[in-house]
N, C-alpha and C. Protein backbone atom coordinates (compact mmCIF):
# COMPACT_ATOMS: atom_id res chain seq x y z
N UNK A 1 15.73 2.34 128.56
CA UNK A 1 16.52 3.19 129.42
C UNK A 1 16.72 4.55 128.78
N UNK A 2 17.56 5.37 129.38
CA UNK A 2 17.80 6.71 128.87
C UNK A 2 18.48 6.68 127.51
N UNK A 3 19.33 5.68 127.25
CA UNK A 3 20.05 5.61 125.98
C UNK A 3 19.09 5.37 124.82
N UNK A 4 17.90 4.86 125.10
CA UNK A 4 16.94 4.57 124.05
C UNK A 4 16.19 5.81 123.58
N UNK A 5 16.28 6.89 124.35
CA UNK A 5 15.55 8.11 124.02
C UNK A 5 16.44 9.02 123.18
N UNK A 6 16.18 9.11 121.86
CA UNK A 6 17.03 9.95 121.01
C UNK A 6 16.88 11.44 121.31
N UNK A 7 15.79 11.82 122.00
CA UNK A 7 15.55 13.22 122.32
C UNK A 7 16.12 13.61 123.69
N UNK A 8 16.70 12.65 124.39
CA UNK A 8 17.24 12.94 125.71
C UNK A 8 18.39 13.92 125.59
N UNK A 9 18.43 14.87 126.48
CA UNK A 9 19.51 15.85 126.48
C UNK A 9 20.84 15.16 126.78
N UNK A 10 21.89 15.50 126.02
CA UNK A 10 23.19 14.88 126.31
C UNK A 10 23.71 15.28 127.68
N UNK A 11 23.19 16.37 128.23
CA UNK A 11 23.63 16.80 129.56
C UNK A 11 22.97 15.98 130.65
N UNK A 12 21.91 15.27 130.33
CA UNK A 12 21.20 14.49 131.32
C UNK A 12 21.43 12.99 131.18
N UNK A 13 22.17 12.59 130.16
CA UNK A 13 22.44 11.17 129.98
C UNK A 13 23.40 10.69 131.06
N UNK A 14 23.25 9.45 131.48
CA UNK A 14 24.18 8.93 132.48
C UNK A 14 25.60 8.95 131.94
N UNK A 15 26.52 9.36 132.76
CA UNK A 15 27.92 9.47 132.36
C UNK A 15 28.62 8.16 132.68
N UNK A 16 29.39 7.68 131.70
CA UNK A 16 30.19 6.49 131.96
C UNK A 16 31.24 6.84 133.00
N UNK A 17 31.57 5.89 133.81
CA UNK A 17 32.61 6.12 134.80
C UNK A 17 33.93 6.23 134.06
N UNK A 18 34.55 7.37 134.19
CA UNK A 18 35.80 7.61 133.48
C UNK A 18 36.90 6.65 133.94
N UNK A 19 36.80 6.18 135.17
CA UNK A 19 37.78 5.22 135.67
C UNK A 19 37.80 3.94 134.85
N UNK A 20 36.67 3.59 134.25
CA UNK A 20 36.58 2.35 133.50
C UNK A 20 36.99 2.51 132.04
N UNK A 21 37.22 3.75 131.61
CA UNK A 21 37.57 4.01 130.22
C UNK A 21 39.08 3.94 130.03
N UNK A 22 39.47 3.45 128.85
CA UNK A 22 40.90 3.40 128.52
C UNK A 22 41.38 4.79 128.12
N UNK A 23 42.69 4.94 128.02
CA UNK A 23 43.26 6.21 127.58
C UNK A 23 42.74 6.55 126.19
N UNK A 24 42.73 5.57 125.30
CA UNK A 24 42.23 5.80 123.93
C UNK A 24 40.78 6.24 123.95
N UNK A 25 39.96 5.63 124.78
CA UNK A 25 38.55 6.00 124.86
C UNK A 25 38.40 7.42 125.41
N UNK A 26 39.20 7.76 126.40
CA UNK A 26 39.15 9.10 126.97
C UNK A 26 39.59 10.14 125.94
N UNK A 27 40.65 9.84 125.20
CA UNK A 27 41.12 10.77 124.17
C UNK A 27 40.08 10.94 123.07
N UNK A 28 39.41 9.85 122.70
CA UNK A 28 38.36 9.92 121.69
C UNK A 28 37.19 10.75 122.19
N UNK A 29 36.86 10.60 123.45
CA UNK A 29 35.76 11.38 124.04
C UNK A 29 36.11 12.86 124.04
N UNK A 30 37.34 13.18 124.41
CA UNK A 30 37.78 14.58 124.41
C UNK A 30 37.69 15.16 123.00
N UNK A 31 38.16 14.41 122.00
CA UNK A 31 38.11 14.88 120.62
C UNK A 31 36.66 15.13 120.19
N UNK A 32 35.77 14.23 120.55
CA UNK A 32 34.36 14.38 120.19
C UNK A 32 33.76 15.60 120.88
N UNK A 33 34.09 15.80 122.14
CA UNK A 33 33.57 16.96 122.86
C UNK A 33 34.11 18.27 122.29
N UNK A 34 35.39 18.28 121.91
CA UNK A 34 35.96 19.47 121.29
C UNK A 34 35.25 19.78 119.98
N UNK A 35 34.91 18.73 119.23
CA UNK A 35 34.16 18.92 117.98
C UNK A 35 32.79 19.51 118.24
N UNK A 36 32.13 19.04 119.28
CA UNK A 36 30.81 19.58 119.64
C UNK A 36 30.92 21.04 120.07
N UNK A 37 31.96 21.35 120.83
CA UNK A 37 32.17 22.74 121.27
C UNK A 37 32.39 23.64 120.06
N UNK A 38 33.22 23.19 119.12
CA UNK A 38 33.47 23.97 117.92
C UNK A 38 32.19 24.19 117.12
N UNK A 39 31.37 23.15 117.00
CA UNK A 39 30.11 23.28 116.27
C UNK A 39 29.18 24.27 116.97
N UNK A 40 29.15 24.25 118.29
CA UNK A 40 28.33 25.19 119.05
C UNK A 40 28.84 26.62 118.86
N UNK A 41 30.16 26.80 118.89
CA UNK A 41 30.73 28.13 118.70
C UNK A 41 30.41 28.67 117.31
N UNK A 42 30.46 27.81 116.30
CA UNK A 42 30.12 28.23 114.95
C UNK A 42 28.64 28.62 114.85
N UNK A 43 27.78 27.87 115.51
CA UNK A 43 26.35 28.17 115.49
C UNK A 43 26.07 29.49 116.21
N UNK A 44 26.76 29.72 117.31
CA UNK A 44 26.61 30.99 118.03
C UNK A 44 27.01 32.14 117.13
N UNK A 45 28.14 32.01 116.44
CA UNK A 45 28.61 33.08 115.54
C UNK A 45 27.59 33.34 114.44
N UNK A 46 27.04 32.28 113.87
CA UNK A 46 26.04 32.44 112.80
C UNK A 46 24.79 33.14 113.33
N UNK A 47 24.36 32.76 114.52
CA UNK A 47 23.16 33.38 115.09
C UNK A 47 23.42 34.85 115.45
N UNK A 48 24.64 35.15 115.89
CA UNK A 48 24.97 36.54 116.19
C UNK A 48 24.93 37.39 114.92
N UNK A 49 25.40 36.82 113.81
CA UNK A 49 25.33 37.54 112.53
C UNK A 49 23.88 37.78 112.13
N UNK A 50 23.03 36.76 112.29
CA UNK A 50 21.62 36.91 111.96
C UNK A 50 20.97 37.99 112.82
N UNK A 51 21.32 38.00 114.09
CA UNK A 51 20.77 38.99 115.01
C UNK A 51 21.21 40.39 114.59
N UNK A 52 22.48 40.53 114.21
CA UNK A 52 22.99 41.83 113.79
C UNK A 52 22.25 42.33 112.55
N UNK A 53 21.96 41.43 111.62
CA UNK A 53 21.21 41.81 110.42
C UNK A 53 19.80 42.25 110.82
N UNK A 54 19.16 41.49 111.68
CA UNK A 54 17.80 41.85 112.13
C UNK A 54 17.82 43.18 112.86
N UNK A 55 18.83 43.41 113.70
CA UNK A 55 18.93 44.69 114.41
C UNK A 55 19.11 45.84 113.42
N UNK A 56 19.90 45.61 112.37
CA UNK A 56 20.14 46.65 111.38
C UNK A 56 18.85 46.97 110.61
N UNK A 57 18.06 45.94 110.35
CA UNK A 57 16.82 46.14 109.59
C UNK A 57 15.72 46.75 110.46
N UNK A 58 15.53 46.16 111.63
CA UNK A 58 14.40 46.56 112.48
C UNK A 58 14.77 47.52 113.60
N UNK A 59 16.06 47.73 113.79
CA UNK A 59 16.51 48.59 114.86
C UNK A 59 16.38 47.94 116.21
N UNK A 60 17.12 48.40 117.13
CA UNK A 60 17.05 47.85 118.48
C UNK A 60 17.79 46.55 118.62
N UNK A 61 17.61 45.96 119.79
CA UNK A 61 18.31 44.73 120.13
C UNK A 61 17.28 43.61 120.16
N UNK A 62 17.46 42.60 119.28
CA UNK A 62 16.56 41.43 119.27
C UNK A 62 16.92 40.55 120.44
N UNK A 63 15.94 39.96 121.09
CA UNK A 63 16.18 39.13 122.27
C UNK A 63 16.21 37.74 121.93
């Protein structure tokens, strides 16, 4: 199934029915998602710094 594919996009994986999840499970899911968001924001910041360095060296706006 889809869960067996480690390369499957997390956005395309089947979503568990939230109605069937306990409060603790929902809170754990929220915490995990917040952690993923924070990791993405940190990666964006790092990439923006890299882009700024490249722009400073090569001039212009890197795409």
